[in-house]
Amino acid sequence: MTSSQVAEGNAATVSGSTAVPFRLEVVVIPVADFDRAKAFYTGLGWRVDAEADLGDGYRLMQLTPPGSNASIIFGTQVTAAQPGSFDGLLLVVDNIDEARNALLAQGVEVSEAFHDARGGPIGGFQIGDEGRAPGHDPQGRSYATYASFHDSEGNRWLLQEITERLPGRV
């Protein structure tokens, strides 16, 4: 996909009509232990947007990372996905080293910075452990340097350093 195709893909049209906005608002993540997950995410300083306990074992919490327009929801009886099964939840950061240090200061185990050994026009996209090359992207490209960590439930998050946005992105 070219950068112009990426930019054009930001607006959805239906039969030539006006663009219909589709905004990612919330991602539901699977957890095994509600209280442990709550302590983990609130310990990171994520804003609690809502919490509900409707009885019969149903509990829900919505939190938003600092500076994000999208939130996460987790709870009991909220998703059928297996706890810890998510791999590649992405948090965009301006500076990977500052973000790593902030997480480390909160007691979170965070990988060293890495980049995708395959390269690619924007550095590739790296999920999992294979194909990682140590250190920052050697060309210093935006979108090409990562670090990763797991939440208290085993879900893997990626930090991606973006210093200059692709066309059409803000």
Protein backbone atom coordinates (compact mmCIF):
# COMPACT_ATOMS: atom_id res chain seq x y z
CA MET A 1 0.00 0.00 0.00
CA THR A 2 1.41 3.40 -0.95
CA SER A 3 1.31 6.39 1.36
CA SER A 4 -1.32 7.97 -0.90
CA GLN A 5 -3.47 4.83 -0.60
CA VAL A 6 -3.07 5.01 3.19
CA ALA A 7 -4.14 8.69 3.18
CA GLU A 8 -7.08 7.98 0.87
CA GLY A 9 -8.18 5.09 3.08
CA ASN A 10 -8.78 7.42 6.03
CA ALA A 11 -12.24 8.46 4.77
CA ALA A 12 -14.88 5.89 3.95
CA THR A 13 -17.38 6.70 1.23
CA VAL A 14 -20.54 4.90 0.24
CA SER A 15 -21.43 5.12 -3.45
CA GLY A 16 -19.79 8.53 -3.83
CA SER A 17 -21.63 10.06 -0.88
CA THR A 18 -20.05 12.16 1.84
CA ALA A 19 -17.36 10.48 3.91
CA VAL A 20 -18.68 8.58 6.91
CA PRO A 21 -16.37 8.83 9.91
CA PHE A 22 -15.38 5.59 11.62
CA ARG A 23 -13.46 6.23 14.82
CA LEU A 24 -11.82 3.56 16.94
CA GLU A 25 -13.12 4.34 20.41
CA VAL A 26 -12.58 1.29 22.62
CA VAL A 27 -10.70 -1.99 22.51
CA VAL A 28 -11.96 -4.79 24.75
CA ILE A 29 -9.11 -6.77 26.29
CA PRO A 30 -9.37 -10.15 28.01
CA VAL A 31 -8.30 -10.44 31.64
CA ALA A 32 -8.38 -13.24 34.21
CA ASP A 33 -8.28 -11.11 37.35
CA PHE A 34 -10.27 -7.87 37.32
CA ASP A 35 -8.69 -6.39 40.45
CA ARG A 36 -5.14 -7.21 39.33
CA ALA A 37 -5.78 -5.62 35.91
CA LYS A 38 -7.35 -2.57 37.56
CA ALA A 39 -4.30 -2.14 39.81
CA PHE A 40 -1.94 -2.53 36.84
CA TYR A 41 -3.59 0.05 34.57
CA THR A 42 -4.44 2.59 37.25
CA GLY A 43 -0.84 2.20 38.45
CA LEU A 44 0.24 3.37 35.00
CA GLY A 45 -1.79 6.53 35.51
CA TRP A 46 -4.51 5.65 33.03
CA ARG A 47 -7.71 7.60 33.60
CA VAL A 48 -10.68 5.62 34.90
CA ASP A 49 -13.64 6.55 32.69
CA ALA A 50 -16.18 4.12 34.07
CA GLU A 51 -16.51 1.18 36.43
CA ALA A 52 -19.55 -1.05 36.84
CA ASP A 53 -20.40 -3.99 39.06
CA LEU A 54 -23.84 -5.26 38.06
CA GLY A 55 -23.77 -8.33 40.27
CA ASP A 56 -23.84 -11.97 39.19
CA GLY A 57 -20.08 -11.70 38.54
CA TYR A 58 -20.33 -9.02 35.85
CA ARG A 59 -17.73 -6.28 36.30
CA LEU A 60 -16.46 -3.76 33.76
CA MET A 61 -13.86 -1.00 33.74
CA GLN A 62 -13.01 1.52 31.00
CA LEU A 63 -9.66 3.34 31.13
CA THR A 64 -7.90 5.75 28.79
CA PRO A 65 -4.13 6.12 28.41
CA PRO A 66 -2.78 9.67 28.83
CA GLY A 67 -3.10 11.61 25.56
CA SER A 68 -5.23 8.96 23.84
CA ASN A 69 -8.61 9.31 22.15
CA ALA A 70 -9.16 5.54 22.39
CA SER A 71 -9.79 3.57 25.56
CA ILE A 72 -9.70 -0.02 26.77
CA ILE A 73 -12.44 -1.99 28.47
CA PHE A 74 -11.91 -5.13 30.48
CA GLY A 75 -13.90 -7.07 32.98
CA THR A 76 -15.55 -10.32 33.87
CA GLN A 77 -18.21 -11.66 31.50
CA VAL A 78 -17.20 -8.94 29.02
CA THR A 79 -15.43 -10.98 26.30
CA ALA A 80 -15.04 -14.62 25.35
CA ALA A 81 -11.38 -14.05 24.35
CA GLN A 82 -8.85 -15.92 26.46
CA PRO A 83 -7.07 -13.80 29.10
CA GLY A 84 -3.58 -12.87 27.98
CA SER A 85 -4.28 -13.79 24.33
CA PHE A 86 -3.87 -10.33 22.82
CA ASP A 87 -0.55 -9.73 21.10
CA GLY A 88 0.18 -6.39 19.53
CA LEU A 89 -1.98 -3.80 21.22
CA LEU A 90 -0.26 -0.62 20.04
CA LEU A 91 0.54 2.54 21.95
CA VAL A 92 2.07 5.35 19.92
CA VAL A 93 4.73 7.41 21.69
CA ASP A 94 6.76 10.47 20.70
CA ASN A 95 9.96 9.18 22.29
CA ILE A 96 10.50 5.46 22.87
CA ASP A 97 13.23 5.98 25.48
CA GLU A 98 11.10 8.34 27.58
CA ALA A 99 8.12 5.98 27.34
CA ARG A 100 10.25 2.98 28.36
CA ASN A 101 11.69 4.88 31.30
CA ALA A 102 8.21 5.95 32.47
CA LEU A 103 6.99 2.35 32.40
CA LEU A 104 10.14 1.07 34.09
CA ALA A 105 9.64 3.65 36.83
CA GLN A 106 6.17 2.12 37.41
CA GLY A 107 7.74 -1.33 37.82
CA VAL A 108 6.72 -2.63 34.39
CA GLU A 109 9.17 -4.94 32.62
CA VAL A 110 9.74 -3.40 29.19
CA SER A 111 11.89 -4.77 26.38
CA GLU A 112 14.82 -2.84 25.06
CA ALA A 113 14.12 -0.80 21.93
CA PHE A 114 14.06 -2.87 18.74
CA HIS A 115 13.29 -2.55 15.06
CA ASP A 116 12.10 -4.95 12.40
CA ALA A 117 15.09 -6.56 10.70
CA ARG A 118 13.14 -6.69 7.41
CA GLY A 119 13.06 -2.92 7.04
CA GLY A 120 10.40 -1.77 4.63
CA PRO A 121 9.17 1.70 3.64
CA ILE A 122 8.13 2.60 7.18
CA GLY A 123 10.22 0.06 9.04
CA GLY A 124 7.87 -2.90 8.97
CA PHE A 125 5.41 -3.83 11.66
CA GLN A 126 6.60 -6.22 14.32
CA ILE A 127 4.36 -8.54 16.33
CA GLY A 128 5.88 -11.41 18.26
CA ASP A 129 9.56 -11.97 18.89
CA GLU A 130 10.83 -13.22 15.53
CA GLY A 131 12.55 -10.80 13.17
CA ARG A 132 13.44 -8.29 15.87
CA ALA A 133 16.75 -6.50 15.52
CA PRO A 134 18.13 -4.81 18.65
CA GLY A 135 18.18 -1.05 19.02
CA HIS A 136 16.49 1.87 17.37
CA ASP A 137 15.84 1.85 13.65
CA PRO A 138 19.29 2.51 12.15
CA GLN A 139 17.82 5.07 9.73
CA GLY A 140 15.95 6.89 12.51
CA ARG A 141 12.65 6.53 10.67
CA SER A 142 9.32 7.32 12.25
CA TYR A 143 7.12 4.23 12.79
CA ALA A 144 10.17 1.93 12.85
CA THR A 145 11.30 1.68 16.50
CA TYR A 146 9.42 -0.38 19.07
CA ALA A 147 9.50 -1.74 22.61
CA SER A 148 7.07 -4.18 24.20
CA PHE A 149 5.64 -5.11 27.57
CA HIS A 150 2.98 -7.40 28.99
CA ASP A 151 0.14 -6.31 31.24
CA SER A 152 -0.67 -8.13 34.46
CA GLU A 153 -2.78 -10.63 32.49
CA GLY A 154 -0.21 -11.50 29.80
CA ASN A 155 -1.57 -9.33 26.97
CA ARG A 156 1.32 -7.90 24.95
CA TRP A 157 1.48 -4.18 24.24
CA LEU A 158 3.80 -2.57 21.69
CA LEU A 159 5.18 0.93 21.99
CA GLN A 160 5.79 2.45 18.56
CA GLU A 161 7.77 5.65 18.20
CA ILE A 162 6.20 8.06 15.73
CA THR A 163 7.98 11.34 15.22
CA GLU A 164 6.48 12.26 11.84
CA ARG A 165 3.03 11.17 10.72
CA LEU A 166 2.12 9.56 7.41
CA PRO A 167 0.16 11.81 5.04
CA GLY A 168 -3.44 12.28 6.15
CA ARG A 169 -2.72 11.46 9.80
CA VAL A 170 -2.71 13.95 12.67
